[in-house]
N, C-alpha and C. Protein backbone atom coordinates (compact mmCIF):
# COMPACT_ATOMS: atom_id res chain seq x y z
N MET A 1 5.36 11.86 20.64
CA MET A 1 6.23 10.90 19.99
C MET A 1 5.48 9.60 19.76
N HIS A 2 5.77 8.92 18.69
CA HIS A 2 5.12 7.67 18.33
C HIS A 2 5.58 6.54 19.26
N GLN A 3 4.62 5.75 19.72
CA GLN A 3 4.90 4.59 20.56
C GLN A 3 4.87 3.33 19.70
N PRO A 4 5.67 2.32 20.01
CA PRO A 4 5.64 1.06 19.26
C PRO A 4 4.26 0.42 19.30
N ALA A 5 3.97 -0.37 18.29
CA ALA A 5 2.67 -1.03 18.18
C ALA A 5 2.49 -2.06 19.27
N ALA A 6 1.26 -2.20 19.71
CA ALA A 6 0.91 -3.24 20.67
C ALA A 6 0.72 -4.55 19.93
N THR A 7 0.61 -5.63 20.66
CA THR A 7 0.26 -6.91 20.06
C THR A 7 -1.26 -6.97 20.02
N TYR A 8 -1.81 -7.27 18.84
CA TYR A 8 -3.26 -7.26 18.65
C TYR A 8 -3.79 -8.68 18.57
N THR A 9 -5.02 -8.85 19.03
CA THR A 9 -5.64 -10.17 18.99
C THR A 9 -6.45 -10.38 17.73
N ASP A 10 -6.77 -9.32 17.00
CA ASP A 10 -7.51 -9.47 15.75
C ASP A 10 -7.09 -8.38 14.76
N LYS A 11 -7.37 -8.65 13.51
CA LYS A 11 -6.95 -7.78 12.41
C LYS A 11 -7.58 -6.39 12.49
N ALA A 12 -8.87 -6.31 12.79
CA ALA A 12 -9.54 -5.02 12.86
C ALA A 12 -8.90 -4.13 13.93
N SER A 13 -8.57 -4.69 15.07
CA SER A 13 -7.91 -3.92 16.13
C SER A 13 -6.54 -3.43 15.67
N ALA A 14 -5.82 -4.25 14.95
CA ALA A 14 -4.51 -3.84 14.42
C ALA A 14 -4.67 -2.66 13.46
N TYR A 15 -5.65 -2.74 12.58
CA TYR A 15 -5.89 -1.63 11.65
C TYR A 15 -6.34 -0.37 12.39
N GLN A 16 -7.16 -0.53 13.41
CA GLN A 16 -7.59 0.64 14.18
C GLN A 16 -6.40 1.31 14.85
N GLY A 17 -5.50 0.52 15.42
CA GLY A 17 -4.30 1.09 16.03
C GLY A 17 -3.42 1.77 15.00
N ALA A 18 -3.24 1.12 13.86
CA ALA A 18 -2.41 1.69 12.80
C ALA A 18 -3.00 3.00 12.27
N THR A 19 -4.31 3.00 12.01
CA THR A 19 -4.91 4.21 11.44
C THR A 19 -4.92 5.36 12.44
N ARG A 20 -5.11 5.05 13.72
CA ARG A 20 -5.02 6.13 14.73
C ARG A 20 -3.63 6.76 14.71
N ALA A 21 -2.61 5.94 14.68
CA ALA A 21 -1.24 6.46 14.66
C ALA A 21 -0.95 7.23 13.37
N ILE A 22 -1.34 6.66 12.23
CA ILE A 22 -1.11 7.31 10.94
C ILE A 22 -1.83 8.65 10.88
N ASP A 23 -3.10 8.67 11.26
CA ASP A 23 -3.87 9.91 11.21
C ASP A 23 -3.27 10.98 12.11
N ALA A 24 -2.82 10.60 13.30
CA ALA A 24 -2.23 11.57 14.23
C ALA A 24 -0.92 12.13 13.68
N ILE A 25 -0.07 11.27 13.16
CA ILE A 25 1.24 11.71 12.67
C ILE A 25 1.10 12.54 11.39
N LEU A 26 0.17 12.17 10.53
CA LEU A 26 0.03 12.87 9.24
C LEU A 26 -0.95 14.03 9.27
N ASP A 27 -1.49 14.35 10.42
CA ASP A 27 -2.41 15.48 10.53
C ASP A 27 -1.74 16.75 10.00
N GLY A 28 -2.30 17.34 8.96
CA GLY A 28 -1.77 18.57 8.37
C GLY A 28 -0.65 18.36 7.36
N GLU A 29 -0.24 17.11 7.13
CA GLU A 29 0.85 16.83 6.18
C GLU A 29 0.29 16.74 4.76
N HIS A 30 1.04 17.29 3.80
CA HIS A 30 0.61 17.29 2.40
C HIS A 30 1.60 16.63 1.45
N ASN A 31 2.80 16.31 1.92
CA ASN A 31 3.82 15.74 1.03
C ASN A 31 3.57 14.26 0.78
N MET A 32 3.44 13.89 -0.49
CA MET A 32 3.12 12.53 -0.88
C MET A 32 4.16 11.52 -0.38
N ILE A 33 5.43 11.82 -0.53
CA ILE A 33 6.49 10.89 -0.12
C ILE A 33 6.48 10.69 1.39
N LEU A 34 6.30 11.75 2.15
CA LEU A 34 6.24 11.62 3.60
C LEU A 34 5.03 10.80 4.02
N LYS A 35 3.90 11.01 3.36
CA LYS A 35 2.70 10.24 3.67
C LYS A 35 2.94 8.76 3.36
N MET A 36 3.47 8.46 2.19
CA MET A 36 3.70 7.07 1.80
C MET A 36 4.67 6.39 2.76
N SER A 37 5.75 7.06 3.08
CA SER A 37 6.76 6.48 3.98
C SER A 37 6.18 6.20 5.36
N THR A 38 5.41 7.12 5.88
CA THR A 38 4.81 6.96 7.21
C THR A 38 3.78 5.84 7.21
N ILE A 39 2.94 5.81 6.20
CA ILE A 39 1.93 4.75 6.11
C ILE A 39 2.61 3.38 6.04
N ASN A 40 3.63 3.25 5.21
CA ASN A 40 4.35 1.97 5.11
C ASN A 40 4.90 1.54 6.46
N CYS A 41 5.58 2.44 7.11
CA CYS A 41 6.22 2.13 8.38
C CYS A 41 5.19 1.65 9.41
N LEU A 42 4.11 2.39 9.54
CA LEU A 42 3.14 2.06 10.59
C LEU A 42 2.29 0.83 10.24
N LEU A 43 1.99 0.62 8.97
CA LEU A 43 1.30 -0.61 8.61
C LEU A 43 2.21 -1.81 8.87
N GLN A 44 3.46 -1.70 8.47
CA GLN A 44 4.41 -2.80 8.69
C GLN A 44 4.54 -3.10 10.18
N GLU A 45 4.54 -2.07 10.98
CA GLU A 45 4.70 -2.22 12.42
C GLU A 45 3.47 -2.83 13.09
N HIS A 46 2.28 -2.52 12.60
CA HIS A 46 1.04 -2.96 13.24
C HIS A 46 0.46 -4.26 12.68
N LEU A 47 0.75 -4.58 11.43
CA LEU A 47 0.12 -5.73 10.77
C LEU A 47 1.07 -6.91 10.71
N SER A 48 0.87 -7.86 11.59
CA SER A 48 1.79 -9.00 11.68
C SER A 48 1.68 -9.94 10.49
N HIS A 49 0.60 -9.87 9.72
CA HIS A 49 0.44 -10.78 8.59
C HIS A 49 1.12 -10.27 7.31
N CYS A 50 1.79 -9.13 7.37
CA CYS A 50 2.46 -8.55 6.19
C CYS A 50 3.97 -8.59 6.37
N PHE A 51 4.70 -8.95 5.30
CA PHE A 51 6.15 -8.82 5.35
C PHE A 51 6.66 -7.77 4.36
N TRP A 52 5.79 -7.29 3.49
CA TRP A 52 6.17 -6.24 2.52
C TRP A 52 4.98 -5.29 2.40
N VAL A 53 5.26 -4.00 2.54
CA VAL A 53 4.25 -2.96 2.41
C VAL A 53 4.87 -1.83 1.60
N GLY A 54 4.24 -1.44 0.52
CA GLY A 54 4.83 -0.36 -0.25
C GLY A 54 3.93 0.19 -1.34
N PHE A 55 4.40 1.28 -1.89
CA PHE A 55 3.69 1.96 -2.97
C PHE A 55 4.46 1.80 -4.27
N TYR A 56 3.73 1.59 -5.34
CA TYR A 56 4.25 1.71 -6.69
C TYR A 56 3.58 2.94 -7.28
N CYS A 57 4.37 3.89 -7.72
CA CYS A 57 3.87 5.19 -8.21
C CYS A 57 3.76 5.20 -9.72
N MET A 58 2.73 5.86 -10.22
CA MET A 58 2.58 6.02 -11.67
C MET A 58 3.66 6.97 -12.18
N HIS A 59 4.35 6.55 -13.24
CA HIS A 59 5.38 7.37 -13.84
C HIS A 59 5.55 6.93 -15.29
N ALA A 60 5.34 7.86 -16.21
CA ALA A 60 5.54 7.61 -17.64
C ALA A 60 4.76 6.37 -18.11
N GLY A 61 3.53 6.23 -17.65
CA GLY A 61 2.66 5.16 -18.11
C GLY A 61 2.93 3.79 -17.52
N GLN A 62 3.73 3.72 -16.48
CA GLN A 62 3.98 2.44 -15.81
C GLN A 62 4.09 2.68 -14.31
N LEU A 63 4.19 1.60 -13.56
CA LEU A 63 4.38 1.69 -12.12
C LEU A 63 5.87 1.61 -11.81
N MET A 64 6.31 2.48 -10.92
CA MET A 64 7.71 2.54 -10.51
C MET A 64 7.72 2.42 -8.98
N VAL A 65 8.60 1.59 -8.45
CA VAL A 65 8.62 1.40 -7.00
C VAL A 65 8.82 2.73 -6.30
N GLY A 66 8.02 2.93 -5.28
CA GLY A 66 8.11 4.13 -4.45
C GLY A 66 8.54 3.73 -3.06
N PRO A 67 8.18 4.50 -2.07
CA PRO A 67 8.54 4.15 -0.70
C PRO A 67 7.97 2.79 -0.31
N TYR A 68 8.78 1.99 0.37
CA TYR A 68 8.30 0.68 0.83
C TYR A 68 9.10 0.22 2.04
N GLN A 69 8.57 -0.80 2.72
CA GLN A 69 9.23 -1.48 3.82
C GLN A 69 9.25 -2.96 3.47
N GLY A 70 10.43 -3.55 3.45
CA GLY A 70 10.54 -4.98 3.14
C GLY A 70 11.72 -5.25 2.25
N THR A 71 11.71 -6.43 1.65
CA THR A 71 12.78 -6.84 0.75
C THR A 71 12.70 -6.04 -0.55
N LEU A 72 13.70 -6.19 -1.38
CA LEU A 72 13.77 -5.45 -2.64
C LEU A 72 12.51 -5.63 -3.46
N GLY A 73 11.92 -4.53 -3.87
CA GLY A 73 10.72 -4.57 -4.72
C GLY A 73 11.11 -4.54 -6.18
N CYS A 74 10.20 -4.95 -7.04
CA CYS A 74 10.41 -4.79 -8.49
C CYS A 74 10.55 -3.30 -8.77
N LEU A 75 11.48 -2.92 -9.62
CA LEU A 75 11.70 -1.50 -9.88
C LEU A 75 10.62 -0.89 -10.77
N HIS A 76 10.24 -1.62 -11.82
CA HIS A 76 9.24 -1.14 -12.78
C HIS A 76 8.24 -2.27 -13.03
N ILE A 77 6.96 -1.91 -13.11
CA ILE A 77 5.92 -2.88 -13.45
C ILE A 77 5.04 -2.25 -14.52
N ALA A 78 4.99 -2.89 -15.68
CA ALA A 78 4.11 -2.42 -16.76
C ALA A 78 2.65 -2.64 -16.33
N LEU A 79 1.76 -1.80 -16.82
CA LEU A 79 0.36 -1.89 -16.43
C LEU A 79 -0.31 -3.18 -16.91
N ASP A 80 0.29 -3.86 -17.88
CA ASP A 80 -0.28 -5.12 -18.37
C ASP A 80 0.32 -6.34 -17.68
N ARG A 81 1.07 -6.11 -16.57
CA ARG A 81 1.72 -7.21 -15.86
C ARG A 81 1.41 -7.15 -14.37
N GLY A 82 1.25 -8.28 -13.78
CA GLY A 82 1.19 -8.38 -12.33
C GLY A 82 -0.12 -7.93 -11.72
N VAL A 83 -0.25 -8.25 -10.44
CA VAL A 83 -1.43 -7.86 -9.68
C VAL A 83 -1.45 -6.34 -9.52
N CYS A 84 -0.28 -5.74 -9.34
CA CYS A 84 -0.21 -4.28 -9.23
C CYS A 84 -0.66 -3.62 -10.53
N GLY A 85 -0.20 -4.14 -11.66
CA GLY A 85 -0.62 -3.62 -12.95
C GLY A 85 -2.11 -3.77 -13.15
N ARG A 86 -2.67 -4.91 -12.73
CA ARG A 86 -4.12 -5.13 -12.86
C ARG A 86 -4.90 -4.16 -12.00
N ALA A 87 -4.43 -3.90 -10.76
CA ALA A 87 -5.11 -2.93 -9.90
C ALA A 87 -5.08 -1.54 -10.52
N ALA A 88 -3.96 -1.17 -11.13
CA ALA A 88 -3.85 0.13 -11.78
C ALA A 88 -4.75 0.19 -13.02
N ARG A 89 -4.73 -0.88 -13.80
CA ARG A 89 -5.51 -0.93 -15.04
C ARG A 89 -7.01 -0.87 -14.76
N THR A 90 -7.47 -1.66 -13.80
CA THR A 90 -8.90 -1.74 -13.51
C THR A 90 -9.34 -0.68 -12.51
N GLN A 91 -8.36 -0.10 -11.81
CA GLN A 91 -8.59 0.86 -10.73
C GLN A 91 -9.54 0.27 -9.68
N GLN A 92 -9.32 -1.02 -9.41
CA GLN A 92 -10.07 -1.73 -8.38
C GLN A 92 -9.10 -2.51 -7.50
N THR A 93 -9.42 -2.59 -6.22
CA THR A 93 -8.61 -3.36 -5.29
C THR A 93 -8.56 -4.82 -5.73
N GLN A 94 -7.37 -5.39 -5.64
CA GLN A 94 -7.16 -6.79 -5.99
C GLN A 94 -6.75 -7.55 -4.74
N ILE A 95 -7.48 -8.61 -4.40
CA ILE A 95 -7.12 -9.50 -3.31
C ILE A 95 -6.80 -10.85 -3.94
N VAL A 96 -5.58 -11.32 -3.72
CA VAL A 96 -5.15 -12.59 -4.30
C VAL A 96 -4.77 -13.53 -3.16
N ALA A 97 -5.59 -14.57 -2.98
CA ALA A 97 -5.39 -15.52 -1.89
C ALA A 97 -4.18 -16.41 -2.12
N ASP A 98 -3.90 -16.72 -3.40
CA ASP A 98 -2.77 -17.59 -3.76
C ASP A 98 -2.11 -17.01 -5.01
N VAL A 99 -1.03 -16.27 -4.81
CA VAL A 99 -0.38 -15.62 -5.95
C VAL A 99 0.19 -16.63 -6.95
N HIS A 100 0.51 -17.83 -6.49
CA HIS A 100 1.07 -18.85 -7.38
C HIS A 100 0.04 -19.38 -8.37
N ALA A 101 -1.24 -19.19 -8.06
CA ALA A 101 -2.31 -19.62 -8.95
C ALA A 101 -2.78 -18.49 -9.87
N ASP A 102 -2.22 -17.30 -9.70
CA ASP A 102 -2.61 -16.14 -10.51
C ASP A 102 -1.61 -15.98 -11.66
N PRO A 103 -2.04 -16.19 -12.90
CA PRO A 103 -1.10 -16.13 -14.02
C PRO A 103 -0.48 -14.75 -14.25
N GLU A 104 -1.09 -13.70 -13.72
CA GLU A 104 -0.54 -12.35 -13.89
C GLU A 104 0.47 -11.97 -12.82
N HIS A 105 0.57 -12.76 -11.76
CA HIS A 105 1.45 -12.40 -10.64
C HIS A 105 2.91 -12.28 -11.09
N VAL A 106 3.56 -11.20 -10.66
CA VAL A 106 4.99 -10.99 -10.88
C VAL A 106 5.68 -11.26 -9.56
N ALA A 107 6.59 -12.21 -9.55
CA ALA A 107 7.25 -12.62 -8.30
C ALA A 107 8.45 -11.72 -8.01
N CYS A 108 8.21 -10.63 -7.27
CA CYS A 108 9.32 -9.78 -6.83
C CYS A 108 10.06 -10.45 -5.68
N ASP A 109 9.34 -11.23 -4.87
CA ASP A 109 9.94 -11.99 -3.77
C ASP A 109 9.22 -13.34 -3.74
N SER A 110 9.95 -14.41 -3.88
CA SER A 110 9.36 -15.74 -3.98
C SER A 110 8.65 -16.19 -2.71
N ARG A 111 8.85 -15.48 -1.60
CA ARG A 111 8.18 -15.84 -0.35
C ARG A 111 6.73 -15.37 -0.30
N THR A 112 6.33 -14.50 -1.21
CA THR A 112 4.96 -14.00 -1.23
C THR A 112 4.00 -15.13 -1.59
N ASN A 113 2.98 -15.31 -0.76
CA ASN A 113 1.94 -16.29 -1.04
C ASN A 113 0.58 -15.67 -1.27
N SER A 114 0.35 -14.47 -0.74
CA SER A 114 -0.90 -13.75 -0.99
C SER A 114 -0.61 -12.25 -0.96
N GLU A 115 -1.51 -11.48 -1.57
CA GLU A 115 -1.32 -10.03 -1.59
C GLU A 115 -2.63 -9.30 -1.79
N ILE A 116 -2.58 -8.03 -1.42
CA ILE A 116 -3.68 -7.10 -1.70
C ILE A 116 -3.06 -5.86 -2.31
N VAL A 117 -3.70 -5.33 -3.34
CA VAL A 117 -3.22 -4.11 -4.00
C VAL A 117 -4.40 -3.16 -4.12
N VAL A 118 -4.19 -1.92 -3.63
CA VAL A 118 -5.24 -0.92 -3.57
C VAL A 118 -4.85 0.29 -4.44
N PRO A 119 -5.68 0.67 -5.40
CA PRO A 119 -5.39 1.88 -6.19
C PRO A 119 -5.41 3.13 -5.30
N VAL A 120 -4.55 4.09 -5.62
CA VAL A 120 -4.45 5.34 -4.87
C VAL A 120 -4.72 6.49 -5.84
N HIS A 121 -5.71 7.31 -5.52
CA HIS A 121 -6.07 8.45 -6.37
C HIS A 121 -5.83 9.75 -5.61
N ASN A 122 -5.58 10.81 -6.37
CA ASN A 122 -5.46 12.13 -5.75
C ASN A 122 -6.84 12.78 -5.70
N ALA A 123 -6.90 14.01 -5.24
CA ALA A 123 -8.19 14.71 -5.07
C ALA A 123 -8.91 14.93 -6.40
N GLU A 124 -8.16 14.93 -7.51
CA GLU A 124 -8.77 15.10 -8.83
C GLU A 124 -9.23 13.77 -9.42
N GLY A 125 -9.05 12.67 -8.69
CA GLY A 125 -9.46 11.36 -9.18
C GLY A 125 -8.44 10.67 -10.05
N GLN A 126 -7.26 11.25 -10.20
CA GLN A 126 -6.19 10.68 -11.03
C GLN A 126 -5.48 9.57 -10.26
N LEU A 127 -5.25 8.44 -10.93
CA LEU A 127 -4.48 7.35 -10.33
C LEU A 127 -3.04 7.81 -10.18
N ILE A 128 -2.53 7.82 -8.95
CA ILE A 128 -1.15 8.26 -8.71
C ILE A 128 -0.25 7.13 -8.25
N ALA A 129 -0.85 6.02 -7.75
CA ALA A 129 -0.04 4.93 -7.22
C ALA A 129 -0.95 3.75 -6.92
N VAL A 130 -0.33 2.66 -6.50
CA VAL A 130 -1.04 1.54 -5.88
C VAL A 130 -0.30 1.23 -4.58
N LEU A 131 -1.07 0.80 -3.58
CA LEU A 131 -0.51 0.35 -2.31
C LEU A 131 -0.55 -1.17 -2.33
N ASP A 132 0.60 -1.80 -2.12
CA ASP A 132 0.76 -3.24 -2.23
C ASP A 132 1.19 -3.81 -0.89
N LEU A 133 0.46 -4.80 -0.38
CA LEU A 133 0.84 -5.51 0.84
C LEU A 133 0.98 -6.98 0.49
N ASP A 134 2.08 -7.59 0.91
CA ASP A 134 2.36 -9.00 0.64
C ASP A 134 2.48 -9.77 1.94
N SER A 135 2.11 -11.05 1.88
CA SER A 135 2.20 -11.92 3.04
C SER A 135 2.81 -13.25 2.65
N THR A 136 3.53 -13.86 3.59
CA THR A 136 4.02 -15.23 3.40
C THR A 136 2.90 -16.23 3.65
N GLU A 137 1.82 -15.80 4.27
CA GLU A 137 0.67 -16.66 4.56
C GLU A 137 -0.26 -16.73 3.34
N ALA A 138 -0.85 -17.88 3.11
CA ALA A 138 -1.88 -18.00 2.07
C ALA A 138 -3.15 -17.33 2.56
N ALA A 139 -3.87 -16.71 1.67
CA ALA A 139 -5.18 -16.09 1.96
C ALA A 139 -5.13 -15.18 3.19
N ALA A 140 -4.09 -14.36 3.29
CA ALA A 140 -3.92 -13.49 4.45
C ALA A 140 -4.80 -12.25 4.39
N PHE A 141 -5.31 -11.91 3.22
CA PHE A 141 -6.05 -10.66 3.04
C PHE A 141 -7.51 -10.92 2.74
N ASP A 142 -8.36 -10.01 3.22
CA ASP A 142 -9.80 -10.19 3.06
C ASP A 142 -10.49 -8.84 3.04
N ALA A 143 -11.81 -8.85 3.22
CA ALA A 143 -12.60 -7.63 3.17
C ALA A 143 -12.22 -6.65 4.28
N ILE A 144 -11.74 -7.13 5.41
CA ILE A 144 -11.29 -6.22 6.48
C ILE A 144 -10.11 -5.40 6.01
N ASP A 145 -9.10 -6.06 5.41
CA ASP A 145 -7.95 -5.33 4.87
C ASP A 145 -8.42 -4.32 3.83
N GLN A 146 -9.27 -4.76 2.92
CA GLN A 146 -9.76 -3.88 1.85
C GLN A 146 -10.45 -2.65 2.43
N GLN A 147 -11.33 -2.85 3.39
CA GLN A 147 -12.07 -1.74 3.98
C GLN A 147 -11.13 -0.71 4.61
N TYR A 148 -10.20 -1.14 5.43
CA TYR A 148 -9.31 -0.21 6.11
C TYR A 148 -8.32 0.44 5.15
N LEU A 149 -7.77 -0.32 4.21
CA LEU A 149 -6.77 0.24 3.30
C LEU A 149 -7.40 1.23 2.32
N GLU A 150 -8.57 0.90 1.79
CA GLU A 150 -9.23 1.84 0.88
C GLU A 150 -9.58 3.14 1.59
N ALA A 151 -10.06 3.05 2.82
CA ALA A 151 -10.38 4.27 3.58
C ALA A 151 -9.12 5.06 3.88
N LEU A 152 -8.03 4.37 4.19
CA LEU A 152 -6.77 5.03 4.51
C LEU A 152 -6.24 5.83 3.32
N VAL A 153 -6.18 5.22 2.14
CA VAL A 153 -5.65 5.94 0.98
C VAL A 153 -6.59 7.05 0.54
N GLN A 154 -7.89 6.84 0.69
CA GLN A 154 -8.86 7.90 0.38
C GLN A 154 -8.60 9.12 1.27
N ARG A 155 -8.48 8.87 2.55
CA ARG A 155 -8.30 9.95 3.53
C ARG A 155 -6.99 10.71 3.34
N HIS A 156 -5.93 10.01 3.00
CA HIS A 156 -4.62 10.66 2.98
C HIS A 156 -4.14 11.10 1.60
N PHE A 157 -4.80 10.66 0.53
CA PHE A 157 -4.33 11.06 -0.80
C PHE A 157 -5.42 11.74 -1.64
N ALA A 158 -6.68 11.43 -1.41
CA ALA A 158 -7.74 11.95 -2.27
C ALA A 158 -8.59 13.02 -1.60
N SER A 159 -8.26 13.38 -0.39
CA SER A 159 -9.14 14.29 0.36
C SER A 159 -8.58 15.69 0.55
N GLY A 160 -7.55 16.04 -0.17
CA GLY A 160 -7.01 17.38 0.01
C GLY A 160 -5.79 17.61 -0.84
N PRO A 161 -5.12 18.73 -0.61
CA PRO A 161 -3.93 19.05 -1.41
C PRO A 161 -2.82 18.04 -1.19
N LEU A 162 -2.04 17.80 -2.24
CA LEU A 162 -0.97 16.81 -2.18
C LEU A 162 0.25 17.35 -2.92
N GLU A 163 1.34 17.51 -2.19
CA GLU A 163 2.60 17.90 -2.81
C GLU A 163 3.24 16.63 -3.36
N THR A 164 3.58 16.66 -4.65
CA THR A 164 4.08 15.44 -5.29
C THR A 164 5.55 15.48 -5.66
N ALA A 165 6.20 16.57 -5.45
CA ALA A 165 7.61 16.65 -5.85
C ALA A 165 8.43 17.40 -4.82
N TYR A 166 9.67 17.01 -4.76
CA TYR A 166 10.62 17.75 -3.93
C TYR A 166 11.18 18.90 -4.75
N GLN A 167 11.50 19.98 -4.10
CA GLN A 167 12.22 21.06 -4.75
C GLN A 167 13.64 21.03 -4.20
N TRP A 168 14.58 20.72 -5.07
CA TRP A 168 15.97 20.58 -4.66
C TRP A 168 16.62 21.95 -4.57
N ASP A 169 17.22 22.25 -3.46
CA ASP A 169 17.90 23.53 -3.27
C ASP A 169 19.31 23.48 -3.82
């Protein structure tokens, strides 16, 4: 059974604790929604500098809110709008120290002051989503976040089979 997160003294330790828990729980799991939901929950639980953690999934040429933890997310984001759209368009991680200074930022929650958005690809290299983390702190995200988050999405979405749909009985 999963144990609650410990209090961490540094960001790298928090990510190490989160990834250990995520990897253990998702061992052998292939369902995209279950993976996204679990990752959100455990990142939110372990990372004190985040107040919103979630996925925006590619659907019909735009991003659509997927599983997340936090306040209400934007429902749809066009690829030509926002930091999430830019991450999807460029397929590169975006770190924004001050979202209020970024002309592309879409304010889904006015409390957001910084964010990181990581593209998520499947095993075929197709962009399937972006992982978005928001903070009320300015400049909360850096190369440590990028390193751990990119490795996490690579390991859980691009390294093997992925079930992407539910079959309704």
